[in-house]
Amino acid sequence: MIARKPKVLILRMRNVTNVDASGIRVLEELADEGEQNGYILVFSAVQRKVYRVMRQTGFTEKVGRGHFAGDIFKALEMDEEHLKSNAGAPRDR
């Protein structure tokens, strides 16, 4: 069991070359779970074809376009910024 819940979950997507409706549904469930449990998703290096499907299904709007990073280094910067901006927030609900 994890002692402390994560505040940010980074998904490295660079090797994902395709996504279908079932994959989008799993990502939506993960996003919903994050919202309920107080963490955000950050997607790193999403390939153009996959991002297009995410956009067409409304997934990018659901999680927010600001949750997509061009590479893992930018994703880590976004993680750090999120943690700093929420430093005063309680860890658990």
N, C-alpha and C. Protein backbone atom coordinates (compact mmCIF):
# COMPACT_ATOMS: atom_id res chain seq x y z
N MET A 1 0.83 -1.18 0.00
CA MET A 1 0.00 0.00 0.00
C MET A 1 0.88 1.25 0.00
N ILE A 2 0.45 2.26 -0.71
CA ILE A 2 1.18 3.52 -0.80
C ILE A 2 0.88 4.34 0.45
N ALA A 3 1.93 4.82 1.09
CA ALA A 3 1.76 5.60 2.33
C ALA A 3 1.06 6.92 2.06
N ARG A 4 1.48 7.62 1.01
CA ARG A 4 0.84 8.89 0.64
C ARG A 4 0.37 8.80 -0.80
N LYS A 5 -0.81 9.32 -1.03
CA LYS A 5 -1.37 9.31 -2.38
C LYS A 5 -0.60 10.30 -3.25
N PRO A 6 -0.37 9.96 -4.51
CA PRO A 6 0.31 10.90 -5.41
C PRO A 6 -0.60 12.08 -5.73
N LYS A 7 0.00 13.22 -6.00
CA LYS A 7 -0.77 14.40 -6.44
C LYS A 7 -0.74 14.54 -7.95
N VAL A 8 0.26 13.90 -8.59
CA VAL A 8 0.41 13.95 -10.04
C VAL A 8 0.77 12.56 -10.52
N LEU A 9 0.11 12.13 -11.60
CA LEU A 9 0.43 10.86 -12.24
C LEU A 9 0.85 11.18 -13.68
N ILE A 10 2.12 10.91 -13.99
CA ILE A 10 2.63 11.17 -15.34
C ILE A 10 2.55 9.89 -16.15
N LEU A 11 1.90 9.98 -17.31
CA LEU A 11 1.80 8.85 -18.23
C LEU A 11 2.71 9.11 -19.43
N ARG A 12 3.77 8.32 -19.53
CA ARG A 12 4.68 8.45 -20.67
C ARG A 12 4.06 7.73 -21.87
N MET A 13 3.71 8.48 -22.88
CA MET A 13 2.94 7.95 -24.00
C MET A 13 3.76 7.83 -25.29
N ARG A 14 5.04 8.03 -25.22
CA ARG A 14 5.85 8.10 -26.44
C ARG A 14 5.81 6.82 -27.27
N ASN A 15 5.61 5.67 -26.64
CA ASN A 15 5.58 4.42 -27.38
C ASN A 15 4.17 3.94 -27.72
N VAL A 16 3.17 4.76 -27.39
CA VAL A 16 1.79 4.41 -27.73
C VAL A 16 1.51 4.95 -29.13
N THR A 17 1.28 4.04 -30.06
CA THR A 17 1.11 4.46 -31.45
C THR A 17 -0.34 4.51 -31.90
N ASN A 18 -1.25 3.94 -31.08
CA ASN A 18 -2.66 3.93 -31.45
C ASN A 18 -3.49 3.81 -30.19
N VAL A 19 -4.68 4.36 -30.23
CA VAL A 19 -5.62 4.22 -29.12
C VAL A 19 -7.02 4.08 -29.71
N ASP A 20 -7.80 3.16 -29.13
CA ASP A 20 -9.17 2.97 -29.59
C ASP A 20 -10.14 3.40 -28.50
N ALA A 21 -11.41 3.14 -28.73
CA ALA A 21 -12.45 3.58 -27.79
C ALA A 21 -12.27 2.98 -26.41
N SER A 22 -11.84 1.72 -26.35
CA SER A 22 -11.65 1.10 -25.03
C SER A 22 -10.47 1.73 -24.30
N GLY A 23 -9.43 2.10 -25.02
CA GLY A 23 -8.29 2.79 -24.41
C GLY A 23 -8.68 4.16 -23.89
N ILE A 24 -9.48 4.89 -24.66
CA ILE A 24 -9.96 6.20 -24.22
C ILE A 24 -10.82 6.04 -22.97
N ARG A 25 -11.64 5.00 -22.95
CA ARG A 25 -12.51 4.77 -21.78
C ARG A 25 -11.67 4.52 -20.52
N VAL A 26 -10.62 3.74 -20.64
CA VAL A 26 -9.74 3.49 -19.49
C VAL A 26 -9.09 4.79 -19.03
N LEU A 27 -8.65 5.61 -19.96
CA LEU A 27 -8.05 6.91 -19.60
C LEU A 27 -9.08 7.82 -18.93
N GLU A 28 -10.33 7.78 -19.41
CA GLU A 28 -11.39 8.57 -18.78
C GLU A 28 -11.64 8.10 -17.35
N GLU A 29 -11.63 6.79 -17.14
CA GLU A 29 -11.81 6.26 -15.79
C GLU A 29 -10.67 6.68 -14.88
N LEU A 30 -9.46 6.66 -15.42
CA LEU A 30 -8.30 7.09 -14.65
C LEU A 30 -8.40 8.57 -14.30
N ALA A 31 -8.86 9.38 -15.24
CA ALA A 31 -9.04 10.81 -14.99
C ALA A 31 -10.12 11.04 -13.93
N ASP A 32 -11.21 10.30 -14.01
CA ASP A 32 -12.28 10.40 -13.01
C ASP A 32 -11.77 10.01 -11.63
N GLU A 33 -11.00 8.93 -11.58
CA GLU A 33 -10.43 8.47 -10.32
C GLU A 33 -9.50 9.54 -9.73
N GLY A 34 -8.71 10.15 -10.60
CA GLY A 34 -7.82 11.21 -10.15
C GLY A 34 -8.58 12.38 -9.57
N GLU A 35 -9.64 12.75 -10.24
CA GLU A 35 -10.47 13.86 -9.75
C GLU A 35 -11.07 13.54 -8.38
N GLN A 36 -11.52 12.32 -8.22
CA GLN A 36 -12.12 11.89 -6.94
C GLN A 36 -11.09 11.77 -5.83
N ASN A 37 -9.86 11.39 -6.19
CA ASN A 37 -8.83 11.14 -5.19
C ASN A 37 -7.80 12.24 -5.06
N GLY A 38 -7.99 13.34 -5.78
CA GLY A 38 -7.14 14.50 -5.61
C GLY A 38 -5.80 14.46 -6.32
N TYR A 39 -5.70 13.76 -7.45
CA TYR A 39 -4.47 13.84 -8.23
C TYR A 39 -4.81 14.21 -9.66
N ILE A 40 -3.81 14.72 -10.37
CA ILE A 40 -4.00 15.09 -11.77
C ILE A 40 -3.18 14.16 -12.66
N LEU A 41 -3.59 14.08 -13.91
CA LEU A 41 -2.85 13.33 -14.91
C LEU A 41 -2.06 14.29 -15.77
N VAL A 42 -0.83 13.91 -16.11
CA VAL A 42 -0.01 14.64 -17.06
C VAL A 42 0.43 13.62 -18.11
N PHE A 43 0.19 13.93 -19.36
CA PHE A 43 0.54 13.05 -20.46
C PHE A 43 1.80 13.57 -21.13
N SER A 44 2.78 12.69 -21.26
CA SER A 44 4.07 13.06 -21.83
C SER A 44 4.25 12.44 -23.22
N ALA A 45 4.66 13.26 -24.17
CA ALA A 45 5.06 12.82 -25.52
C ALA A 45 3.98 12.00 -26.23
N VAL A 46 2.77 12.50 -26.24
CA VAL A 46 1.68 11.82 -26.94
C VAL A 46 1.89 12.00 -28.44
N GLN A 47 1.88 10.90 -29.16
CA GLN A 47 2.07 10.96 -30.60
C GLN A 47 0.86 11.62 -31.27
N ARG A 48 1.11 12.24 -32.39
CA ARG A 48 0.09 13.03 -33.10
C ARG A 48 -1.19 12.24 -33.37
N LYS A 49 -1.05 11.02 -33.83
CA LYS A 49 -2.22 10.18 -34.16
C LYS A 49 -3.06 9.90 -32.90
N VAL A 50 -2.39 9.62 -31.80
CA VAL A 50 -3.09 9.34 -30.54
C VAL A 50 -3.74 10.62 -30.02
N TYR A 51 -3.02 11.73 -30.09
CA TYR A 51 -3.58 13.00 -29.62
C TYR A 51 -4.82 13.37 -30.43
N ARG A 52 -4.78 13.10 -31.72
CA ARG A 52 -5.93 13.40 -32.58
C ARG A 52 -7.17 12.64 -32.10
N VAL A 53 -7.01 11.36 -31.77
CA VAL A 53 -8.13 10.57 -31.26
C VAL A 53 -8.60 11.13 -29.92
N MET A 54 -7.66 11.48 -29.06
CA MET A 54 -8.01 12.06 -27.76
C MET A 54 -8.82 13.34 -27.94
N ARG A 55 -8.40 14.15 -28.90
CA ARG A 55 -9.10 15.41 -29.17
C ARG A 55 -10.49 15.15 -29.77
N GLN A 56 -10.57 14.24 -30.72
CA GLN A 56 -11.84 13.94 -31.39
C GLN A 56 -12.88 13.36 -30.44
N THR A 57 -12.45 12.64 -29.43
CA THR A 57 -13.38 12.04 -28.48
C THR A 57 -13.72 12.98 -27.32
N GLY A 58 -13.08 14.14 -27.28
CA GLY A 58 -13.33 15.09 -26.21
C GLY A 58 -12.49 14.85 -24.96
N PHE A 59 -11.58 13.87 -25.04
CA PHE A 59 -10.77 13.56 -23.87
C PHE A 59 -9.83 14.71 -23.48
N THR A 60 -9.23 15.37 -24.47
CA THR A 60 -8.31 16.46 -24.13
C THR A 60 -9.03 17.59 -23.40
N GLU A 61 -10.28 17.83 -23.76
CA GLU A 61 -11.06 18.86 -23.08
C GLU A 61 -11.41 18.41 -21.66
N LYS A 62 -11.66 17.13 -21.50
CA LYS A 62 -12.02 16.59 -20.18
C LYS A 62 -10.89 16.78 -19.18
N VAL A 63 -9.67 16.42 -19.57
CA VAL A 63 -8.53 16.54 -18.65
C VAL A 63 -7.89 17.92 -18.71
N GLY A 64 -8.09 18.62 -19.81
CA GLY A 64 -7.50 19.94 -19.98
C GLY A 64 -6.26 19.88 -20.85
N ARG A 65 -6.21 20.74 -21.83
CA ARG A 65 -5.08 20.74 -22.76
C ARG A 65 -3.76 21.06 -22.07
N GLY A 66 -3.83 21.71 -20.94
CA GLY A 66 -2.62 22.03 -20.19
C GLY A 66 -1.99 20.84 -19.49
N HIS A 67 -2.60 19.67 -19.63
CA HIS A 67 -2.07 18.46 -19.00
C HIS A 67 -1.28 17.60 -19.97
N PHE A 68 -0.87 18.19 -21.09
CA PHE A 68 -0.09 17.47 -22.10
C PHE A 68 1.26 18.15 -22.25
N ALA A 69 2.32 17.34 -22.14
CA ALA A 69 3.69 17.85 -22.25
C ALA A 69 4.37 17.21 -23.45
N GLY A 70 5.23 17.97 -24.10
CA GLY A 70 5.93 17.46 -25.28
C GLY A 70 6.93 16.36 -24.98
N ASP A 71 7.49 16.37 -23.77
CA ASP A 71 8.45 15.33 -23.39
C ASP A 71 8.42 15.14 -21.88
N ILE A 72 9.15 14.15 -21.41
CA ILE A 72 9.13 13.82 -19.99
C ILE A 72 9.71 14.95 -19.14
N PHE A 73 10.66 15.69 -19.67
CA PHE A 73 11.25 16.78 -18.90
C PHE A 73 10.24 17.89 -18.64
N LYS A 74 9.45 18.21 -19.64
CA LYS A 74 8.39 19.21 -19.47
C LYS A 74 7.32 18.66 -18.51
N ALA A 75 7.02 17.38 -18.61
CA ALA A 75 6.04 16.76 -17.70
C ALA A 75 6.52 16.86 -16.25
N LEU A 76 7.79 16.64 -16.03
CA LEU A 76 8.34 16.75 -14.68
C LEU A 76 8.30 18.20 -14.17
N GLU A 77 8.52 19.15 -15.06
CA GLU A 77 8.40 20.56 -14.70
C GLU A 77 6.95 20.88 -14.31
N MET A 78 6.00 20.35 -15.07
CA MET A 78 4.58 20.57 -14.77
C MET A 78 4.24 19.96 -13.42
N ASP A 79 4.79 18.79 -13.14
CA ASP A 79 4.59 18.13 -11.85
C ASP A 79 5.09 19.03 -10.72
N GLU A 80 6.29 19.53 -10.87
CA GLU A 80 6.87 20.39 -9.84
C GLU A 80 6.05 21.66 -9.64
N GLU A 81 5.60 22.27 -10.73
CA GLU A 81 4.77 23.48 -10.64
C GLU A 81 3.46 23.18 -9.91
N HIS A 82 2.85 22.05 -10.23
CA HIS A 82 1.59 21.68 -9.58
C HIS A 82 1.80 21.47 -8.08
N LEU A 83 2.86 20.78 -7.73
CA LEU A 83 3.13 20.53 -6.31
C LEU A 83 3.41 21.82 -5.55
N LYS A 84 4.14 22.73 -6.18
CA LYS A 84 4.41 24.02 -5.53
C LYS A 84 3.14 24.83 -5.35
N SER A 85 2.28 24.82 -6.36
CA SER A 85 1.05 25.63 -6.28
C SER A 85 0.05 25.04 -5.29
N ASN A 86 0.20 23.78 -4.96
CA ASN A 86 -0.70 23.13 -4.00
C ASN A 86 -0.01 22.75 -2.70
N ALA A 87 1.10 23.40 -2.42
CA ALA A 87 1.90 23.05 -1.24
C ALA A 87 1.11 23.22 0.06
N GLY A 88 0.20 24.18 0.12
CA GLY A 88 -0.55 24.41 1.34
C GLY A 88 -1.81 23.57 1.46
N ALA A 89 -2.14 22.84 0.39
CA ALA A 89 -3.37 22.03 0.41
C ALA A 89 -3.16 20.78 1.26
N PRO A 90 -4.22 20.30 1.90
CA PRO A 90 -4.10 19.07 2.70
C PRO A 90 -3.74 17.88 1.83
N ARG A 91 -2.96 16.94 2.34
CA ARG A 91 -2.52 15.76 1.59
C ARG A 91 -3.67 14.78 1.38
N ASP A 92 -4.50 14.58 2.37
CA ASP A 92 -5.59 13.61 2.28
C ASP A 92 -6.91 14.29 2.56
N ARG A 93 -7.97 13.72 2.02
CA ARG A 93 -9.31 14.28 2.25
C ARG A 93 -9.94 13.66 3.43
